[in-house]
Amino acid sequence: MPSRRRSVRAGEINWQNLRRPDAPDAGLHGESKHAEGTLLLNTGTREYDETDPDHHTVLVHVRSVNIDGRQMREPYAHWLAGQVGLAVIGPGQRC
């Protein structure tokens, strides 16, 4: 009997209106603007351009702020990931 190819659907769950905590030891201030989190299911991008039933991605949205040519919010994403024993594994994506 020939095997059937199963269609894989991608989707996302998005949490908005969050508040990031202050991290004074790291010199970071909490904020609520652009404080979101997205769980991508069966895909690695919000465009759902490639589906894979074993690929799930968590996106942490941080506001992009450049001051004197320095990215000021990316360090917050790294600090936040470290709080749960994880690391940022890819470059930022523009949404």
PDB file of N, CA and C in Angstrom:
ATOM      1  N   MET A   1       0.836  -1.166   0.000  1.00  0.00           N
ATOM      2  CA  MET A   1       0.000   0.000   0.000  1.00  0.00           C
ATOM      3  C   MET A   1       0.890   1.241   0.000  1.00  0.00           C
ATOM      4  N   PRO A   2       0.691   2.145  -0.930  1.00  0.00           N
ATOM      5  CA  PRO A   2       1.539   3.339  -0.985  1.00  0.00           C
ATOM      6  C   PRO A   2       1.295   4.235   0.230  1.00  0.00           C
ATOM      7  N   SER A   3       2.365   4.884   0.686  1.00  0.00           N
ATOM      8  CA  SER A   3       2.211   5.787   1.831  1.00  0.00           C
ATOM      9  C   SER A   3       1.600   7.105   1.370  1.00  0.00           C
ATOM     10  N   ARG A   4       0.789   7.651   2.218  1.00  0.00           N
ATOM     11  CA  ARG A   4       0.169   8.946   1.921  1.00  0.00           C
ATOM     12  C   ARG A   4       1.000  10.048   2.533  1.00  0.00           C
ATOM     13  N   ARG A   5       1.148  11.108   1.809  1.00  0.00           N
ATOM     14  CA  ARG A   5       1.840  12.277   2.337  1.00  0.00           C
ATOM     15  C   ARG A   5       0.866  13.093   3.144  1.00  0.00           C
ATOM     16  N   ARG A   6       1.227  13.351   4.368  1.00  0.00           N
ATOM     17  CA  ARG A   6       0.366  14.128   5.239  1.00  0.00           C
ATOM     18  C   ARG A   6       0.664  15.613   5.063  1.00  0.00           C
ATOM     19  N   SER A   7      -0.368  16.405   4.945  1.00  0.00           N
ATOM     20  CA  SER A   7      -0.199  17.843   4.831  1.00  0.00           C
ATOM     21  C   SER A   7       0.152  18.419   6.202  1.00  0.00           C
ATOM     22  N   VAL A   8       1.164  19.261   6.241  1.00  0.00           N
ATOM     23  CA  VAL A   8       1.578  19.884   7.492  1.00  0.00           C
ATOM     24  C   VAL A   8       1.138  21.341   7.458  1.00  0.00           C
ATOM     25  N   ARG A   9       0.406  21.740   8.457  1.00  0.00           N
ATOM     26  CA  ARG A   9      -0.039  23.124   8.552  1.00  0.00           C
ATOM     27  C   ARG A   9       0.800  23.859   9.585  1.00  0.00           C
ATOM     28  N   ALA A  10       1.036  25.113   9.316  1.00  0.00           N
ATOM     29  CA  ALA A  10       1.796  25.962  10.233  1.00  0.00           C
ATOM     30  C   ALA A  10       0.844  26.952  10.885  1.00  0.00           C
ATOM     31  N   GLY A  11       1.228  27.429  12.037  1.00  0.00           N
ATOM     32  CA  GLY A  11       0.410  28.422  12.728  1.00  0.00           C
ATOM     33  C   GLY A  11       1.220  29.120  13.793  1.00  0.00           C
ATOM     34  N   GLU A  12       0.562  30.048  14.468  1.00  0.00           N
ATOM     35  CA  GLU A  12       1.249  30.779  15.521  1.00  0.00           C
ATOM     36  C   GLU A  12       0.292  31.151  16.641  1.00  0.00           C
ATOM     37  N   ILE A  13       0.866  31.302  17.815  1.00  0.00           N
ATOM     38  CA  ILE A  13       0.168  31.840  18.971  1.00  0.00           C
ATOM     39  C   ILE A  13       0.950  33.078  19.367  1.00  0.00           C
ATOM     40  N   ASN A  14       0.262  34.209  19.518  1.00  0.00           N
ATOM     41  CA  ASN A  14       0.926  35.471  19.808  1.00  0.00           C
ATOM     42  C   ASN A  14       0.380  36.058  21.109  1.00  0.00           C
ATOM     43  N   TRP A  15       1.290  36.436  22.005  1.00  0.00           N
ATOM     44  CA  TRP A  15       0.905  37.105  23.243  1.00  0.00           C
ATOM     45  C   TRP A  15       1.320  38.562  23.133  1.00  0.00           C
ATOM     46  N   GLN A  16       0.375  39.477  23.408  1.00  0.00           N
ATOM     47  CA  GLN A  16       0.640  40.912  23.337  1.00  0.00           C
ATOM     48  C   GLN A  16       0.307  41.562  24.676  1.00  0.00           C
ATOM     49  N   ASN A  17       0.605  42.859  24.764  1.00  0.00           N
ATOM     50  CA  ASN A  17       0.320  43.652  25.970  1.00  0.00           C
ATOM     51  C   ASN A  17       1.034  43.088  27.203  1.00  0.00           C
ATOM     52  N   LEU A  18       2.266  42.670  27.007  1.00  0.00           N
ATOM     53  CA  LEU A  18       3.083  42.159  28.097  1.00  0.00           C
ATOM     54  C   LEU A  18       3.911  43.292  28.688  1.00  0.00           C
ATOM     55  N   ARG A  19       4.565  43.052  29.768  1.00  0.00           N
ATOM     56  CA  ARG A  19       5.486  44.015  30.379  1.00  0.00           C
ATOM     57  C   ARG A  19       6.784  43.303  30.684  1.00  0.00           C
ATOM     58  N   ARG A  20       7.876  43.800  30.125  1.00  0.00           N
ATOM     59  CA  ARG A  20       9.183  43.227  30.403  1.00  0.00           C
ATOM     60  C   ARG A  20       9.662  43.736  31.765  1.00  0.00           C
ATOM     61  N   PRO A  21      10.279  42.868  32.555  1.00  0.00           N
ATOM     62  CA  PRO A  21      10.757  43.310  33.874  1.00  0.00           C
ATOM     63  C   PRO A  21      12.033  44.133  33.769  1.00  0.00           C
ATOM     64  N   ASP A  22      12.265  44.941  34.799  1.00  0.00           N
ATOM     65  CA  ASP A  22      13.540  45.650  34.904  1.00  0.00           C
ATOM     66  C   ASP A  22      14.644  44.634  35.181  1.00  0.00           C
ATOM     67  N   ALA A  23      15.827  44.921  34.671  1.00  0.00           N
ATOM     68  CA  ALA A  23      17.012  44.103  34.945  1.00  0.00           C
ATOM     69  C   ALA A  23      18.140  45.064  35.317  1.00  0.00           C
ATOM     70  N   PRO A  24      18.041  45.674  36.513  1.00  0.00           N
ATOM     71  CA  PRO A  24      19.016  46.708  36.881  1.00  0.00           C
ATOM     72  C   PRO A  24      20.451  46.223  36.920  1.00  0.00           C
ATOM     73  N   ASP A  25      20.673  44.954  37.271  1.00  0.00           N
ATOM     74  CA  ASP A  25      22.047  44.432  37.298  1.00  0.00           C
ATOM     75  C   ASP A  25      22.662  44.406  35.905  1.00  0.00           C
ATOM     76  N   ALA A  26      21.820  44.296  34.882  1.00  0.00           N
ATOM     77  CA  ALA A  26      22.303  44.282  33.506  1.00  0.00           C
ATOM     78  C   ALA A  26      22.182  45.667  32.866  1.00  0.00           C
ATOM     79  N   GLY A  27      21.689  46.660  33.629  1.00  0.00           N
ATOM     80  CA  GLY A  27      21.529  48.008  33.102  1.00  0.00           C
ATOM     81  C   GLY A  27      20.356  48.137  32.137  1.00  0.00           C
ATOM     82  N   LEU A  28      19.339  47.268  32.289  1.00  0.00           N
ATOM     83  CA  LEU A  28      18.191  47.266  31.385  1.00  0.00           C
ATOM     84  C   LEU A  28      16.932  47.687  32.135  1.00  0.00           C
ATOM     85  N   HIS A  29      16.102  48.456  31.459  1.00  0.00           N
ATOM     86  CA  HIS A  29      14.847  48.922  32.040  1.00  0.00           C
ATOM     87  C   HIS A  29      13.691  48.206  31.369  1.00  0.00           C
ATOM     88  N   GLY A  30      12.721  47.772  32.167  1.00  0.00           N
ATOM     89  CA  GLY A  30      11.546  47.108  31.620  1.00  0.00           C
ATOM     90  C   GLY A  30      10.709  48.063  30.802  1.00  0.00           C
ATOM     91  N   GLU A  31       9.888  47.490  29.954  1.00  0.00           N
ATOM     92  CA  GLU A  31       9.007  48.306  29.130  1.00  0.00           C
ATOM     93  C   GLU A  31       7.856  47.445  28.642  1.00  0.00           C
ATOM     94  N   SER A  32       6.850  48.103  28.103  1.00  0.00           N
ATOM     95  CA  SER A  32       5.717  47.359  27.558  1.00  0.00           C
ATOM     96  C   SER A  32       5.559  47.581  26.057  1.00  0.00           C
ATOM     97  N   LYS A  33       6.211  48.591  25.506  1.00  0.00           N
ATOM     98  CA  LYS A  33       6.088  48.836  24.066  1.00  0.00           C
ATOM     99  C   LYS A  33       6.781  47.710  23.297  1.00  0.00           C
ATOM    100  N   HIS A  34       6.082  47.102  22.377  1.00  0.00           N
ATOM    101  CA  HIS A  34       6.584  46.001  21.555  1.00  0.00           C
ATOM    102  C   HIS A  34       6.999  44.794  22.395  1.00  0.00           C
ATOM    103  N   ALA A  35       6.418  44.645  23.565  1.00  0.00           N
ATOM    104  CA  ALA A  35       6.715  43.480  24.405  1.00  0.00           C
ATOM    105  C   ALA A  35       5.732  42.383  24.017  1.00  0.00           C
ATOM    106  N   GLU A  36       6.170  41.511  23.143  1.00  0.00           N
ATOM    107  CA  GLU A  36       5.335  40.423  22.648  1.00  0.00           C
ATOM    108  C   GLU A  36       6.141  39.134  22.621  1.00  0.00           C
ATOM    109  N   GLY A  37       5.433  38.053  22.529  1.00  0.00           N
ATOM    110  CA  GLY A  37       6.050  36.756  22.320  1.00  0.00           C
ATOM    111  C   GLY A  37       5.210  35.986  21.315  1.00  0.00           C
ATOM    112  N   THR A  38       5.855  35.222  20.448  1.00  0.00           N
ATOM    113  CA  THR A  38       5.144  34.436  19.445  1.00  0.00           C
ATOM    114  C   THR A  38       5.710  33.028  19.427  1.00  0.00           C
ATOM    115  N   LEU A  39       4.838  32.057  19.448  1.00  0.00           N
ATOM    116  CA  LEU A  39       5.211  30.655  19.302  1.00  0.00           C
ATOM    117  C   LEU A  39       4.805  30.234  17.896  1.00  0.00           C
ATOM    118  N   LEU A  40       5.787  29.864  17.073  1.00  0.00           N
ATOM    119  CA  LEU A  40       5.521  29.383  15.720  1.00  0.00           C
ATOM    120  C   LEU A  40       5.496  27.867  15.736  1.00  0.00           C
ATOM    121  N   LEU A  41       4.454  27.291  15.192  1.00  0.00           N
ATOM    122  CA  LEU A  41       4.287  25.837  15.169  1.00  0.00           C
ATOM    123  C   LEU A  41       4.501  25.310  13.762  1.00  0.00           C
ATOM    124  N   ASN A  42       5.394  24.350  13.627  1.00  0.00           N
ATOM    125  CA  ASN A  42       5.703  23.678  12.357  1.00  0.00           C
ATOM    126  C   ASN A  42       6.351  24.591  11.328  1.00  0.00           C
ATOM    127  N   THR A  43       7.007  25.649  11.765  1.00  0.00           N
ATOM    128  CA  THR A  43       7.697  26.554  10.848  1.00  0.00           C
ATOM    129  C   THR A  43       8.735  27.366  11.622  1.00  0.00           C
ATOM    130  N   GLY A  44       9.658  27.979  10.893  1.00  0.00           N
ATOM    131  CA  GLY A  44      10.676  28.809  11.517  1.00  0.00           C
ATOM    132  C   GLY A  44      10.500  30.281  11.236  1.00  0.00           C
ATOM    133  N   THR A  45       9.519  30.648  10.389  1.00  0.00           N
ATOM    134  CA  THR A  45       9.314  32.053  10.048  1.00  0.00           C
ATOM    135  C   THR A  45       7.836  32.405  10.107  1.00  0.00           C
ATOM    136  N   ARG A  46       7.543  33.668  10.296  1.00  0.00           N
ATOM    137  CA  ARG A  46       6.146  34.122  10.342  1.00  0.00           C
ATOM    138  C   ARG A  46       5.487  34.107   8.969  1.00  0.00           C
ATOM    139  N   GLU A  47       6.255  33.900   7.922  1.00  0.00           N
ATOM    140  CA  GLU A  47       5.684  33.807   6.573  1.00  0.00           C
ATOM    141  C   GLU A  47       5.163  32.406   6.275  1.00  0.00           C
ATOM    142  N   TYR A  48       5.461  31.435   7.148  1.00  0.00           N
ATOM    143  CA  TYR A  48       5.068  30.027   6.961  1.00  0.00           C
ATOM    144  C   TYR A  48       5.569  29.485   5.625  1.00  0.00           C
ATOM    145  N   ASP A  49       6.724  29.982   5.161  1.00  0.00           N
ATOM    146  CA  ASP A  49       7.212  29.578   3.841  1.00  0.00           C
ATOM    147  C   ASP A  49       7.775  28.159   3.798  1.00  0.00           C
ATOM    148  N   GLU A  50       8.173  27.633   4.923  1.00  0.00           N
ATOM    149  CA  GLU A  50       8.646  26.245   4.973  1.00  0.00           C
ATOM    150  C   GLU A  50       7.982  25.577   6.163  1.00  0.00           C
ATOM    151  N   THR A  51       7.349  24.450   5.931  1.00  0.00           N
ATOM    152  CA  THR A  51       6.715  23.741   7.035  1.00  0.00           C
ATOM    153  C   THR A  51       7.477  22.468   7.357  1.00  0.00           C
ATOM    154  N   ASP A  52       7.514  22.134   8.633  1.00  0.00           N
ATOM    155  CA  ASP A  52       8.204  20.951   9.117  1.00  0.00           C
ATOM    156  C   ASP A  52       7.527  20.556  10.426  1.00  0.00           C
ATOM    157  N   PRO A  53       6.989  19.351  10.514  1.00  0.00           N
ATOM    158  CA  PRO A  53       6.266  18.973  11.727  1.00  0.00           C
ATOM    159  C   PRO A  53       7.141  18.913  12.973  1.00  0.00           C
ATOM    160  N   ASP A  54       8.454  18.933  12.819  1.00  0.00           N
ATOM    161  CA  ASP A  54       9.357  18.873  13.962  1.00  0.00           C
ATOM    162  C   ASP A  54      10.031  20.208  14.267  1.00  0.00           C
ATOM    163  N   HIS A  55       9.590  21.283  13.628  1.00  0.00           N
ATOM    164  CA  HIS A  55      10.246  22.588  13.776  1.00  0.00           C
ATOM    165  C   HIS A  55       9.283  23.568  14.438  1.00  0.00           C
ATOM    166  N   HIS A  56       9.649  24.009  15.634  1.00  0.00           N
ATOM    167  CA  HIS A  56       8.875  25.019  16.345  1.00  0.00           C
ATOM    168  C   HIS A  56       9.848  26.113  16.780  1.00  0.00           C
ATOM    169  N   THR A  57       9.404  27.347  16.771  1.00  0.00           N
ATOM    170  CA  THR A  57      10.274  28.477  17.067  1.00  0.00           C
ATOM    171  C   THR A  57       9.562  29.424  18.023  1.00  0.00           C
ATOM    172  N   VAL A  58      10.305  29.986  18.966  1.00  0.00           N
ATOM    173  CA  VAL A  58       9.774  31.024  19.843  1.00  0.00           C
ATOM    174  C   VAL A  58      10.430  32.335  19.441  1.00  0.00           C
ATOM    175  N   LEU A  59       9.617  33.328  19.140  1.00  0.00           N
ATOM    176  CA  LEU A  59      10.119  34.658  18.817  1.00  0.00           C
ATOM    177  C   LEU A  59       9.828  35.580  19.998  1.00  0.00           C
ATOM    178  N   VAL A  60      10.832  36.308  20.433  1.00  0.00           N
ATOM    179  CA  VAL A  60      10.655  37.318  21.469  1.00  0.00           C
ATOM    180  C   VAL A  60      10.806  38.661  20.779  1.00  0.00           C
ATOM    181  N   HIS A  61       9.750  39.455  20.815  1.00  0.00           N
ATOM    182  CA  HIS A  61       9.749  40.745  20.121  1.00  0.00           C
ATOM    183  C   HIS A  61      10.324  41.817  21.037  1.00  0.00           C
ATOM    184  N   VAL A  62      11.320  42.520  20.537  1.00  0.00           N
ATOM    185  CA  VAL A  62      11.887  43.647  21.272  1.00  0.00           C
ATOM    186  C   VAL A  62      11.935  44.840  20.328  1.00  0.00           C
ATOM    187  N   ARG A  63      11.765  45.987  20.903  1.00  0.00           N
ATOM    188  CA  ARG A  63      11.788  47.209  20.110  1.00  0.00           C
ATOM    189  C   ARG A  63      13.213  47.478  19.653  1.00  0.00           C
ATOM    190  N   SER A  64      13.361  47.839  18.404  1.00  0.00           N
ATOM    191  CA  SER A  64      14.677  48.150  17.854  1.00  0.00           C
ATOM    192  C   SER A  64      14.984  49.621  18.103  1.00  0.00           C
ATOM    193  N   VAL A  65      15.974  49.890  18.922  1.00  0.00           N
ATOM    194  CA  VAL A  65      16.367  51.254  19.236  1.00  0.00           C
ATOM    195  C   VAL A  65      17.867  51.388  19.009  1.00  0.00           C
ATOM    196  N   ASN A  66      18.258  52.313  18.172  1.00  0.00           N
ATOM    197  CA  ASN A  66      19.675  52.585  17.953  1.00  0.00           C
ATOM    198  C   ASN A  66      20.012  53.930  18.583  1.00  0.00           C
ATOM    199  N   ILE A  67      20.992  53.934  19.470  1.00  0.00           N
ATOM    200  CA  ILE A  67      21.466  55.163  20.090  1.00  0.00           C
ATOM    201  C   ILE A  67      22.956  55.252  19.829  1.00  0.00           C
ATOM    202  N   ASP A  68      23.359  56.319  19.159  1.00  0.00           N
ATOM    203  CA  ASP A  68      24.768  56.497  18.790  1.00  0.00           C
ATOM    204  C   ASP A  68      25.312  55.294  18.037  1.00  0.00           C
ATOM    205  N   GLY A  69      24.469  54.702  17.167  1.00  0.00           N
ATOM    206  CA  GLY A  69      24.905  53.579  16.349  1.00  0.00           C
ATOM    207  C   GLY A  69      24.921  52.245  17.059  1.00  0.00           C
ATOM    208  N   ARG A  70      24.480  52.203  18.316  1.00  0.00           N
ATOM    209  CA  ARG A  70      24.465  50.940  19.076  1.00  0.00           C
ATOM    210  C   ARG A  70      23.029  50.439  19.213  1.00  0.00           C
ATOM    211  N   GLN A  71      22.846  49.148  19.027  1.00  0.00           N
ATOM    212  CA  GLN A  71      21.543  48.516  19.224  1.00  0.00           C
ATOM    213  C   GLN A  71      21.306  48.402  20.722  1.00  0.00           C
ATOM    214  N   MET A  72      20.247  49.009  21.223  1.00  0.00           N
ATOM    215  CA  MET A  72      20.022  49.054  22.655  1.00  0.00           C
ATOM    216  C   MET A  72      19.074  47.969  23.175  1.00  0.00           C
ATOM    217  N   ARG A  73      18.274  47.334  22.346  1.00  0.00           N
ATOM    218  CA  ARG A  73      17.314  46.369  22.830  1.00  0.00           C
ATOM    219  C   ARG A  73      17.746  44.929  22.619  1.00  0.00           C
ATOM    220  N   GLU A  74      18.626  44.666  21.702  1.00  0.00           N
ATOM    221  CA  GLU A  74      19.073  43.288  21.494  1.00  0.00           C
ATOM    222  C   GLU A  74      19.679  42.700  22.763  1.00  0.00           C
ATOM    223  N   PRO A  75      20.453  43.444  23.545  1.00  0.00           N
ATOM    224  CA  PRO A  75      20.969  42.866  24.788  1.00  0.00           C
ATOM    225  C   PRO A  75      19.846  42.377  25.708  1.00  0.00           C
ATOM    226  N   TYR A  76      18.695  43.024  25.664  1.00  0.00           N
ATOM    227  CA  TYR A  76      17.583  42.590  26.508  1.00  0.00           C
ATOM    228  C   TYR A  76      17.105  41.207  26.083  1.00  0.00           C
ATOM    229  N   ALA A  77      17.045  40.941  24.790  1.00  0.00           N
ATOM    230  CA  ALA A  77      16.629  39.619  24.302  1.00  0.00           C
ATOM    231  C   ALA A  77      17.595  38.549  24.805  1.00  0.00           C
ATOM    232  N   HIS A  78      18.887  38.833  24.787  1.00  0.00           N
ATOM    233  CA  HIS A  78      19.883  37.875  25.282  1.00  0.00           C
ATOM    234  C   HIS A  78      19.738  37.660  26.792  1.00  0.00           C
ATOM    235  N   TRP A  79      19.507  38.741  27.531  1.00  0.00           N
ATOM    236  CA  TRP A  79      19.321  38.621  28.974  1.00  0.00           C
ATOM    237  C   TRP A  79      18.076  37.790  29.274  1.00  0.00           C
ATOM    238  N   LEU A  80      16.988  38.076  28.569  1.00  0.00           N
ATOM    239  CA  LEU A  80      15.731  37.370  28.806  1.00  0.00           C
ATOM    240  C   LEU A  80      15.880  35.872  28.539  1.00  0.00           C
ATOM    241  N   ALA A  81      16.536  35.505  27.449  1.00  0.00           N
ATOM    242  CA  ALA A  81      16.753  34.086  27.136  1.00  0.00           C
ATOM    243  C   ALA A  81      17.596  33.425  28.226  1.00  0.00           C
ATOM    244  N   GLY A  82      18.590  34.128  28.720  1.00  0.00           N
ATOM    245  CA  GLY A  82      19.452  33.578  29.764  1.00  0.00           C
ATOM    246  C   GLY A  82      18.720  33.311  31.068  1.00  0.00           C
ATOM    247  N   GLN A  83      17.649  34.049  31.321  1.00  0.00           N
ATOM    248  CA  GLN A  83      16.888  33.856  32.555  1.00  0.00           C
ATOM    249  C   GLN A  83      16.207  32.495  32.614  1.00  0.00           C
ATOM    250  N   VAL A  84      15.972  31.884  31.459  1.00  0.00           N
ATOM    251  CA  VAL A  84      15.343  30.559  31.421  1.00  0.00           C
ATOM    252  C   VAL A  84      16.320  29.498  30.909  1.00  0.00           C
ATOM    253  N   GLY A  85      17.632  29.830  30.948  1.00  0.00           N
ATOM    254  CA  GLY A  85      18.642  28.854  30.585  1.00  0.00           C
ATOM    255  C   GLY A  85      18.788  28.625  29.098  1.00  0.00           C
ATOM    256  N   LEU A  86      18.356  29.586  28.280  1.00  0.00           N
ATOM    257  CA  LEU A  86      18.443  29.438  26.826  1.00  0.00           C
ATOM    258  C   LEU A  86      19.324  30.543  26.262  1.00  0.00           C
ATOM    259  N   ALA A  87      19.500  30.530  24.956  1.00  0.00           N
ATOM    260  CA  ALA A  87      20.301  31.557  24.277  1.00  0.00           C
ATOM    261  C   ALA A  87      19.617  31.952  22.980  1.00  0.00           C
ATOM    262  N   VAL A  88      19.850  33.163  22.551  1.00  0.00           N
ATOM    263  CA  VAL A  88      19.380  33.614  21.238  1.00  0.00           C
ATOM    264  C   VAL A  88      20.213  32.877  20.216  1.00  0.00           C
ATOM    265  N   ILE A  89      19.557  32.207  19.260  1.00  0.00           N
ATOM    266  CA  ILE A  89      20.313  31.370  18.327  1.00  0.00           C
ATOM    267  C   ILE A  89      20.331  31.902  16.898  1.00  0.00           C
ATOM    268  N   GLY A  90      19.646  32.980  16.645  1.00  0.00           N
ATOM    269  CA  GLY A  90      19.625  33.486  15.281  1.00  0.00           C
ATOM    270  C   GLY A  90      19.627  34.995  15.267  1.00  0.00           C
ATOM    271  N   PRO A  91      19.786  35.546  14.078  1.00  0.00           N
ATOM    272  CA  PRO A  91      19.780  37.008  13.958  1.00  0.00           C
ATOM    273  C   PRO A  91      18.365  37.552  14.115  1.00  0.00           C
ATOM    274  N   GLY A  92      18.281  38.826  14.383  1.00  0.00           N
ATOM    275  CA  GLY A  92      16.978  39.476  14.476  1.00  0.00           C
ATOM    276  C   GLY A  92      16.242  39.422  13.159  1.00  0.00           C
ATOM    277  N   GLN A  93      14.935  39.413  13.237  1.00  0.00           N
ATOM    278  CA  GLN A  93      14.083  39.455  12.056  1.00  0.00           C
ATOM    279  C   GLN A  93      13.231  40.694  12.118  1.00  0.00           C
ATOM    280  N   ARG A  94      13.039  41.339  11.015  1.00  0.00           N
ATOM    281  CA  ARG A  94      12.141  42.486  10.963  1.00  0.00           C
ATOM    282  C   ARG A  94      10.742  41.995  10.681  1.00  0.00           C
ATOM    283  N   CYS A  95       9.794  42.497  11.444  1.00  0.00           N
ATOM    284  CA  CYS A  95       8.390  42.103  11.255  1.00  0.00           C
ATOM    285  C   CYS A  95       7.595  43.265  10.724  1.00  0.00           C
TER     286      CYS A  95
END
